[in-house]
Amino acid sequence: MQAAANLLQIILGYLLGLAFAGSFLGRKYMGYVDILLHKLFRRKITLAQYLYWKYFCGIANPPKPGSIKRAEKAMSELRKALKL
């Protein structure tokens, strides 16, 4: 029971720390932390997260989801084919 209470306290402290840091350090910092956590835990990046990082947080080059990578590759191949 004590271990569960300690774990809950750690999680709440972490969330409060993020809220505190976000209010003072800004959206860009919070976006970078979110990207770091996604890379650390190898989470799949969605289009919504990419758009959030790019336009709300203002991060210049956030990691792209697989769908955008595939679309860019197809467009580059199409451009190469049209130049021939």
C-alpha atoms as a PDB file:
ATOM      1  CA  MET A   1       0.000   0.000   0.000  1.00  0.00           C
ATOM      2  CA  GLN A   2       2.836   2.356   0.871  1.00  0.00           C
ATOM      3  CA  ALA A   3       4.587   1.648  -2.444  1.00  0.00           C
ATOM      4  CA  ALA A   4       1.416   2.514  -4.384  1.00  0.00           C
ATOM      5  CA  ALA A   5       1.068   5.774  -2.468  1.00  0.00           C
ATOM      6  CA  ASN A   6       4.714   6.638  -3.196  1.00  0.00           C
ATOM      7  CA  LEU A   7       4.270   5.860  -6.875  1.00  0.00           C
ATOM      8  CA  LEU A   8       1.142   8.025  -7.052  1.00  0.00           C
ATOM      9  CA  GLN A   9       2.997  10.852  -5.304  1.00  0.00           C
ATOM     10  CA  ILE A  10       5.868  10.590  -7.809  1.00  0.00           C
ATOM     11  CA  ILE A  11       3.473  10.670 -10.767  1.00  0.00           C
ATOM     12  CA  LEU A  12       1.561  13.661  -9.403  1.00  0.00           C
ATOM     13  CA  GLY A  13       4.797  15.476  -8.644  1.00  0.00           C
ATOM     14  CA  TYR A  14       5.987  14.836 -12.186  1.00  0.00           C
ATOM     15  CA  LEU A  15       2.757  16.171 -13.686  1.00  0.00           C
ATOM     16  CA  LEU A  16       2.790  19.248 -11.468  1.00  0.00           C
ATOM     17  CA  GLY A  17       6.423  19.822 -12.385  1.00  0.00           C
ATOM     18  CA  LEU A  18       5.555  19.692 -16.081  1.00  0.00           C
ATOM     19  CA  ALA A  19       2.713  22.151 -15.603  1.00  0.00           C
ATOM     20  CA  PHE A  20       4.992  24.482 -13.624  1.00  0.00           C
ATOM     21  CA  ALA A  21       7.783  24.244 -16.184  1.00  0.00           C
ATOM     22  CA  GLY A  22       5.371  24.771 -19.063  1.00  0.00           C
ATOM     23  CA  SER A  23       3.947  27.926 -17.544  1.00  0.00           C
ATOM     24  CA  PHE A  24       7.386  29.493 -17.095  1.00  0.00           C
ATOM     25  CA  LEU A  25       9.499  27.971 -19.827  1.00  0.00           C
ATOM     26  CA  GLY A  26       6.896  27.971 -22.554  1.00  0.00           C
ATOM     27  CA  ARG A  27       5.402  25.705 -25.131  1.00  0.00           C
ATOM     28  CA  LYS A  28       8.593  25.134 -27.084  1.00  0.00           C
ATOM     29  CA  TYR A  29      10.346  23.595 -24.060  1.00  0.00           C
ATOM     30  CA  MET A  30       7.359  21.390 -23.346  1.00  0.00           C
ATOM     31  CA  GLY A  31       7.323  20.241 -26.968  1.00  0.00           C
ATOM     32  CA  TYR A  32      10.992  19.292 -26.785  1.00  0.00           C
ATOM     33  CA  VAL A  33      10.366  17.340 -23.579  1.00  0.00           C
ATOM     34  CA  ASP A  34       7.441  15.555 -25.213  1.00  0.00           C
ATOM     35  CA  ILE A  35       9.601  14.638 -28.219  1.00  0.00           C
ATOM     36  CA  LEU A  36      12.345  13.398 -25.905  1.00  0.00           C
ATOM     37  CA  LEU A  37       9.883  11.180 -24.041  1.00  0.00           C
ATOM     38  CA  HIS A  38       8.514   9.792 -27.321  1.00  0.00           C
ATOM     39  CA  LYS A  39      12.034   8.900 -28.432  1.00  0.00           C
ATOM     40  CA  LEU A  40      12.956   7.502 -25.017  1.00  0.00           C
ATOM     41  CA  PHE A  41       9.929   5.208 -24.828  1.00  0.00           C
ATOM     42  CA  ARG A  42       9.902   4.550 -28.607  1.00  0.00           C
ATOM     43  CA  ARG A  43       6.325   5.688 -28.984  1.00  0.00           C
ATOM     44  CA  LYS A  44       4.704   5.874 -32.403  1.00  0.00           C
ATOM     45  CA  ILE A  45       4.341   9.442 -33.644  1.00  0.00           C
ATOM     46  CA  THR A  46       0.954  10.401 -35.058  1.00  0.00           C
ATOM     47  CA  LEU A  47      -0.003  13.170 -37.441  1.00  0.00           C
ATOM     48  CA  ALA A  48      -1.794  15.020 -34.637  1.00  0.00           C
ATOM     49  CA  GLN A  49       1.359  15.025 -32.495  1.00  0.00           C
ATOM     50  CA  TYR A  50       3.458  16.221 -35.442  1.00  0.00           C
ATOM     51  CA  LEU A  51       1.046  19.097 -36.087  1.00  0.00           C
ATOM     52  CA  TYR A  52       0.949  19.963 -32.376  1.00  0.00           C
ATOM     53  CA  TRP A  53       4.750  20.139 -32.171  1.00  0.00           C
ATOM     54  CA  LYS A  54       5.116  22.003 -35.465  1.00  0.00           C
ATOM     55  CA  TYR A  55       2.405  24.639 -35.158  1.00  0.00           C
ATOM     56  CA  PHE A  56       1.455  24.927 -31.477  1.00  0.00           C
ATOM     57  CA  CYS A  57       4.866  24.430 -29.891  1.00  0.00           C
ATOM     58  CA  GLY A  58       6.728  26.133 -32.750  1.00  0.00           C
ATOM     59  CA  ILE A  59       9.413  23.479 -33.168  1.00  0.00           C
ATOM     60  CA  ALA A  60      11.099  23.883 -36.543  1.00  0.00           C
ATOM     61  CA  ASN A  61      11.820  20.221 -37.415  1.00  0.00           C
ATOM     62  CA  PRO A  62       9.823  17.829 -35.227  1.00  0.00           C
ATOM     63  CA  PRO A  63      10.023  14.080 -35.907  1.00  0.00           C
ATOM     64  CA  LYS A  64       7.660  13.068 -38.686  1.00  0.00           C
ATOM     65  CA  PRO A  65       5.198  10.188 -38.600  1.00  0.00           C
ATOM     66  CA  GLY A  66       5.571   7.341 -41.042  1.00  0.00           C
ATOM     67  CA  SER A  67       2.698   8.540 -43.223  1.00  0.00           C
ATOM     68  CA  ILE A  68       4.434  11.849 -43.969  1.00  0.00           C
ATOM     69  CA  LYS A  69       7.751  10.101 -44.614  1.00  0.00           C
ATOM     70  CA  ARG A  70       6.095   7.747 -47.109  1.00  0.00           C
ATOM     71  CA  ALA A  71       4.288  10.622 -48.833  1.00  0.00           C
ATOM     72  CA  GLU A  72       7.512  12.635 -49.150  1.00  0.00           C
ATOM     73  CA  LYS A  73       9.313   9.614 -50.594  1.00  0.00           C
ATOM     74  CA  ALA A  74       6.537   9.031 -53.133  1.00  0.00           C
ATOM     75  CA  MET A  75       6.566  12.709 -54.127  1.00  0.00           C
ATOM     76  CA  SER A  76      10.332  12.702 -54.624  1.00  0.00           C
ATOM     77  CA  GLU A  77      10.079   9.570 -56.790  1.00  0.00           C
ATOM     78  CA  LEU A  78       7.279  11.201 -58.795  1.00  0.00           C
ATOM     79  CA  ARG A  79       9.389  14.328 -59.312  1.00  0.00           C
ATOM     80  CA  LYS A  80      12.311  12.184 -60.513  1.00  0.00           C
ATOM     81  CA  ALA A  81      10.042  10.291 -62.919  1.00  0.00           C
ATOM     82  CA  LEU A  82       8.570  13.503 -64.341  1.00  0.00           C
ATOM     83  CA  LYS A  83      12.031  14.990 -64.945  1.00  0.00           C
ATOM     84  CA  LEU A  84      12.988  12.023 -67.136  1.00  0.00           C
END
